[in-house]
């Protein structure tokens, strides 16, 4: 993504996070992680392209190495592979 497009893109990303997260702790953490993003890269993987899961493994490894955020399946996944918000995150469990 071109550097001059990142700020607007991240504002939209933060808005998405706010729209799908109803847990205050997750929201604050996810927004703080998004706030610290410095570059954005994207790719589209066609369904059926990688039945063996190598692309997913690569993306998770890259995300970990970059201390990044991954947007996949309408969810935000943290650097450690933990879904933060969205359908993959599931409901908050009571302790």
N, C-alpha and C. Protein backbone atom coordinates (compact mmCIF):
# COMPACT_ATOMS: atom_id res chain seq x y z
N UNK A 1 0.85 -1.17 0.00
CA UNK A 1 0.00 0.00 0.00
C UNK A 1 0.90 1.23 0.00
N UNK A 2 0.52 2.18 -0.78
CA UNK A 2 1.29 3.43 -0.86
C UNK A 2 1.25 4.13 0.50
N UNK A 3 2.38 4.70 0.91
CA UNK A 3 2.46 5.35 2.23
C UNK A 3 1.38 6.41 2.46
N UNK A 4 1.00 7.14 1.43
CA UNK A 4 0.00 8.19 1.61
C UNK A 4 -1.42 7.65 1.76
N UNK A 5 -1.62 6.35 1.59
CA UNK A 5 -2.94 5.74 1.74
C UNK A 5 -3.11 5.03 3.08
N UNK A 6 -2.02 4.83 3.79
CA UNK A 6 -2.06 4.01 5.00
C UNK A 6 -2.93 4.63 6.10
N UNK A 7 -2.78 5.92 6.36
CA UNK A 7 -3.52 6.55 7.45
C UNK A 7 -5.03 6.39 7.28
N UNK A 8 -5.54 6.66 6.10
CA UNK A 8 -6.97 6.52 5.85
C UNK A 8 -7.41 5.06 5.97
N UNK A 9 -6.59 4.16 5.42
CA UNK A 9 -6.90 2.73 5.50
C UNK A 9 -6.99 2.28 6.96
N UNK A 10 -6.06 2.72 7.79
CA UNK A 10 -6.05 2.31 9.18
C UNK A 10 -7.21 2.92 9.97
N UNK A 11 -7.67 4.10 9.58
CA UNK A 11 -8.87 4.66 10.21
C UNK A 11 -10.07 3.75 9.93
N UNK A 12 -10.18 3.29 8.69
CA UNK A 12 -11.26 2.36 8.35
C UNK A 12 -11.11 1.03 9.09
N UNK A 13 -9.89 0.56 9.21
CA UNK A 13 -9.60 -0.68 9.92
C UNK A 13 -10.00 -0.55 11.39
N UNK A 14 -9.66 0.57 12.01
CA UNK A 14 -10.05 0.82 13.40
C UNK A 14 -11.57 0.86 13.53
N UNK A 15 -12.24 1.47 12.56
CA UNK A 15 -13.70 1.49 12.57
C UNK A 15 -14.28 0.10 12.48
N UNK A 16 -13.67 -0.75 11.65
CA UNK A 16 -14.12 -2.13 11.55
C UNK A 16 -13.94 -2.84 12.89
N UNK A 17 -12.78 -2.69 13.51
CA UNK A 17 -12.53 -3.32 14.80
C UNK A 17 -13.60 -2.90 15.80
N UNK A 18 -13.91 -1.61 15.85
CA UNK A 18 -14.92 -1.11 16.78
C UNK A 18 -16.30 -1.70 16.48
N UNK A 19 -16.58 -1.93 15.21
CA UNK A 19 -17.91 -2.42 14.84
C UNK A 19 -18.12 -3.90 15.17
N UNK A 20 -17.05 -4.67 15.31
CA UNK A 20 -17.21 -6.11 15.56
C UNK A 20 -16.79 -6.54 16.96
N UNK A 21 -16.29 -5.62 17.76
CA UNK A 21 -15.79 -5.98 19.09
C UNK A 21 -16.67 -5.37 20.16
N UNK A 22 -17.21 -6.22 21.03
CA UNK A 22 -18.04 -5.72 22.12
C UNK A 22 -17.40 -5.93 23.49
N UNK A 23 -16.14 -6.33 23.51
CA UNK A 23 -15.41 -6.50 24.76
C UNK A 23 -14.39 -5.37 24.88
N UNK A 24 -14.50 -4.58 25.94
CA UNK A 24 -13.67 -3.39 26.09
C UNK A 24 -12.17 -3.71 26.12
N UNK A 25 -11.77 -4.76 26.81
CA UNK A 25 -10.36 -5.11 26.89
C UNK A 25 -9.80 -5.50 25.52
N UNK A 26 -10.52 -6.34 24.80
CA UNK A 26 -10.09 -6.72 23.45
C UNK A 26 -10.04 -5.50 22.54
N UNK A 27 -11.06 -4.65 22.67
CA UNK A 27 -11.14 -3.46 21.82
C UNK A 27 -9.93 -2.55 22.04
N UNK A 28 -9.62 -2.25 23.28
CA UNK A 28 -8.49 -1.37 23.57
C UNK A 28 -7.19 -1.97 23.05
N UNK A 29 -6.99 -3.26 23.27
CA UNK A 29 -5.77 -3.91 22.81
C UNK A 29 -5.69 -3.91 21.28
N UNK A 30 -6.77 -4.31 20.62
CA UNK A 30 -6.76 -4.38 19.15
C UNK A 30 -6.55 -3.00 18.54
N UNK A 31 -7.19 -1.98 19.09
CA UNK A 31 -7.01 -0.62 18.56
C UNK A 31 -5.59 -0.12 18.79
N UNK A 32 -5.00 -0.46 19.93
CA UNK A 32 -3.63 -0.02 20.17
C UNK A 32 -2.67 -0.71 19.22
N UNK A 33 -2.91 -1.98 18.93
CA UNK A 33 -2.08 -2.70 17.96
C UNK A 33 -2.24 -2.08 16.57
N UNK A 34 -3.47 -1.79 16.18
CA UNK A 34 -3.71 -1.18 14.86
C UNK A 34 -3.07 0.20 14.76
N UNK A 35 -3.10 0.94 15.87
CA UNK A 35 -2.53 2.29 15.89
C UNK A 35 -1.03 2.28 15.59
N UNK A 36 -0.35 1.20 15.95
CA UNK A 36 1.10 1.11 15.77
C UNK A 36 1.53 0.50 14.44
N UNK A 37 0.60 0.25 13.56
CA UNK A 37 0.94 -0.29 12.24
C UNK A 37 1.73 0.76 11.45
N UNK A 38 2.79 0.31 10.78
CA UNK A 38 3.64 1.21 10.00
C UNK A 38 3.63 0.92 8.51
N UNK A 39 3.26 -0.29 8.12
CA UNK A 39 3.10 -0.56 6.70
C UNK A 39 2.02 -1.62 6.52
N UNK A 40 1.43 -1.64 5.33
CA UNK A 40 0.32 -2.53 5.03
C UNK A 40 0.65 -3.30 3.76
N UNK A 41 0.45 -4.60 3.81
CA UNK A 41 0.62 -5.46 2.63
C UNK A 41 -0.64 -6.30 2.51
N UNK A 42 -1.02 -6.61 1.31
CA UNK A 42 -2.22 -7.40 1.12
C UNK A 42 -2.03 -8.44 0.04
N UNK A 43 -2.83 -9.49 0.13
CA UNK A 43 -2.84 -10.50 -0.92
C UNK A 43 -4.22 -11.14 -0.93
N UNK A 44 -4.56 -11.71 -2.07
CA UNK A 44 -5.82 -12.43 -2.23
C UNK A 44 -5.46 -13.85 -2.60
N UNK A 45 -6.02 -14.79 -1.87
CA UNK A 45 -5.77 -16.20 -2.14
C UNK A 45 -7.08 -16.82 -2.61
N UNK A 46 -7.08 -17.29 -3.81
CA UNK A 46 -8.28 -17.87 -4.39
C UNK A 46 -8.66 -19.16 -3.66
N UNK A 47 -9.96 -19.38 -3.42
CA UNK A 47 -10.39 -20.63 -2.79
C UNK A 47 -9.90 -21.84 -3.60
N UNK A 48 -9.43 -22.84 -2.89
CA UNK A 48 -8.95 -24.05 -3.53
C UNK A 48 -7.52 -23.98 -4.02
N UNK A 49 -6.88 -22.81 -3.92
CA UNK A 49 -5.50 -22.64 -4.41
C UNK A 49 -4.51 -23.45 -3.59
N UNK A 50 -4.76 -23.54 -2.29
CA UNK A 50 -3.79 -24.15 -1.39
C UNK A 50 -4.49 -25.08 -0.42
N UNK A 51 -4.90 -26.24 -0.88
CA UNK A 51 -5.61 -27.19 -0.02
C UNK A 51 -4.73 -27.72 1.11
N UNK A 52 -3.42 -27.66 0.97
CA UNK A 52 -2.52 -28.17 1.99
C UNK A 52 -2.26 -27.22 3.14
N UNK A 53 -2.73 -25.97 3.05
CA UNK A 53 -2.56 -25.00 4.13
C UNK A 53 -1.20 -24.35 4.20
N UNK A 54 -0.39 -24.48 3.15
CA UNK A 54 0.94 -23.88 3.18
C UNK A 54 0.89 -22.36 3.19
N UNK A 55 -0.07 -21.79 2.47
CA UNK A 55 -0.18 -20.33 2.44
C UNK A 55 -0.58 -19.80 3.82
N UNK A 56 -1.52 -20.46 4.46
CA UNK A 56 -1.93 -20.03 5.80
C UNK A 56 -0.75 -20.13 6.77
N UNK A 57 -0.02 -21.21 6.71
CA UNK A 57 1.15 -21.36 7.58
C UNK A 57 2.17 -20.26 7.31
N UNK A 58 2.40 -19.95 6.03
CA UNK A 58 3.33 -18.88 5.67
C UNK A 58 2.86 -17.54 6.23
N UNK A 59 1.58 -17.22 6.06
CA UNK A 59 1.06 -15.94 6.53
C UNK A 59 1.14 -15.82 8.05
N UNK A 60 0.82 -16.89 8.75
CA UNK A 60 0.92 -16.85 10.21
C UNK A 60 2.37 -16.69 10.66
N UNK A 61 3.30 -17.35 9.97
CA UNK A 61 4.71 -17.22 10.32
C UNK A 61 5.21 -15.80 10.02
N UNK A 62 4.85 -15.27 8.87
CA UNK A 62 5.23 -13.90 8.52
C UNK A 62 4.66 -12.91 9.51
N UNK A 63 3.40 -13.08 9.87
CA UNK A 63 2.76 -12.21 10.84
C UNK A 63 3.50 -12.24 12.18
N UNK A 64 3.91 -13.44 12.61
CA UNK A 64 4.66 -13.56 13.86
C UNK A 64 6.00 -12.84 13.76
N UNK A 65 6.72 -13.07 12.65
CA UNK A 65 8.04 -12.46 12.50
C UNK A 65 7.98 -10.94 12.42
N UNK A 66 6.90 -10.40 11.88
CA UNK A 66 6.74 -8.95 11.75
C UNK A 66 6.05 -8.31 12.95
N UNK A 67 5.64 -9.15 13.93
CA UNK A 67 4.87 -8.64 15.05
C UNK A 67 3.65 -7.88 14.54
N UNK A 68 2.96 -8.51 13.58
CA UNK A 68 1.91 -7.83 12.86
C UNK A 68 0.51 -8.20 13.27
N UNK A 69 -0.41 -7.73 12.45
CA UNK A 69 -1.81 -8.08 12.52
C UNK A 69 -2.19 -8.68 11.17
N UNK A 70 -3.00 -9.70 11.20
CA UNK A 70 -3.45 -10.36 9.98
C UNK A 70 -4.96 -10.25 9.92
N UNK A 71 -5.47 -9.77 8.80
CA UNK A 71 -6.92 -9.70 8.61
C UNK A 71 -7.32 -10.85 7.70
N UNK A 72 -8.05 -11.80 8.25
CA UNK A 72 -8.43 -13.00 7.52
C UNK A 72 -9.80 -13.48 8.01
N UNK A 73 -10.65 -13.91 7.09
CA UNK A 73 -11.99 -14.40 7.43
C UNK A 73 -12.75 -13.39 8.28
N UNK A 74 -12.66 -12.11 7.90
CA UNK A 74 -13.34 -11.02 8.61
C UNK A 74 -12.91 -10.92 10.07
N UNK A 75 -11.72 -11.38 10.39
CA UNK A 75 -11.21 -11.36 11.75
C UNK A 75 -9.81 -10.75 11.77
N UNK A 76 -9.46 -10.19 12.90
CA UNK A 76 -8.12 -9.65 13.11
C UNK A 76 -7.36 -10.64 13.99
N UNK A 77 -6.22 -11.12 13.49
CA UNK A 77 -5.41 -12.11 14.18
C UNK A 77 -4.11 -11.45 14.62
N UNK A 78 -3.76 -11.62 15.88
CA UNK A 78 -2.55 -11.01 16.44
C UNK A 78 -1.31 -11.76 15.97
N UNK A 79 -0.15 -11.21 16.28
CA UNK A 79 1.14 -11.76 15.85
C UNK A 79 1.32 -13.22 16.27
N UNK A 80 0.71 -13.61 17.38
CA UNK A 80 0.90 -14.96 17.91
C UNK A 80 -0.15 -15.96 17.41
N UNK A 81 -0.96 -15.54 16.44
CA UNK A 81 -1.98 -16.42 15.88
C UNK A 81 -3.29 -16.40 16.62
N UNK A 82 -3.38 -15.58 17.66
CA UNK A 82 -4.61 -15.49 18.46
C UNK A 82 -5.59 -14.53 17.81
N UNK A 83 -6.78 -14.99 17.46
CA UNK A 83 -7.79 -14.07 16.92
C UNK A 83 -8.20 -13.05 17.99
N UNK A 84 -8.16 -11.78 17.61
CA UNK A 84 -8.51 -10.71 18.55
C UNK A 84 -9.98 -10.34 18.46
N UNK A 85 -10.45 -10.09 17.26
CA UNK A 85 -11.84 -9.70 17.05
C UNK A 85 -12.34 -10.34 15.76
N UNK A 86 -13.66 -10.44 15.66
CA UNK A 86 -14.26 -11.00 14.47
C UNK A 86 -14.72 -12.44 14.71
N UNK A 87 -15.26 -13.06 13.68
CA UNK A 87 -15.82 -14.41 13.82
C UNK A 87 -14.85 -15.45 14.37
N UNK A 88 -13.59 -15.37 14.04
CA UNK A 88 -12.62 -16.35 14.53
C UNK A 88 -12.36 -16.21 16.03
N UNK A 89 -12.60 -15.00 16.57
CA UNK A 89 -12.33 -14.76 17.98
C UNK A 89 -13.35 -15.43 18.89
N UNK A 90 -14.55 -15.59 18.40
CA UNK A 90 -15.59 -16.23 19.20
C UNK A 90 -16.02 -15.35 20.35
N UNK A 91 -16.96 -15.84 21.15
CA UNK A 91 -17.46 -15.05 22.27
C UNK A 91 -16.46 -15.04 23.42
N UNK A 92 -16.58 -14.03 24.27
CA UNK A 92 -15.76 -13.91 25.46
C UNK A 92 -16.24 -14.97 26.46
N UNK A 93 -15.30 -15.71 27.03
CA UNK A 93 -15.64 -16.73 28.03
C UNK A 93 -15.54 -16.12 29.42
N UNK A 94 -16.52 -16.38 30.25
CA UNK A 94 -16.47 -15.93 31.63
C UNK A 94 -15.45 -16.77 32.40
N UNK A 95 -14.68 -16.09 33.24
CA UNK A 95 -13.66 -16.80 34.02
C UNK A 95 -14.24 -17.40 35.27
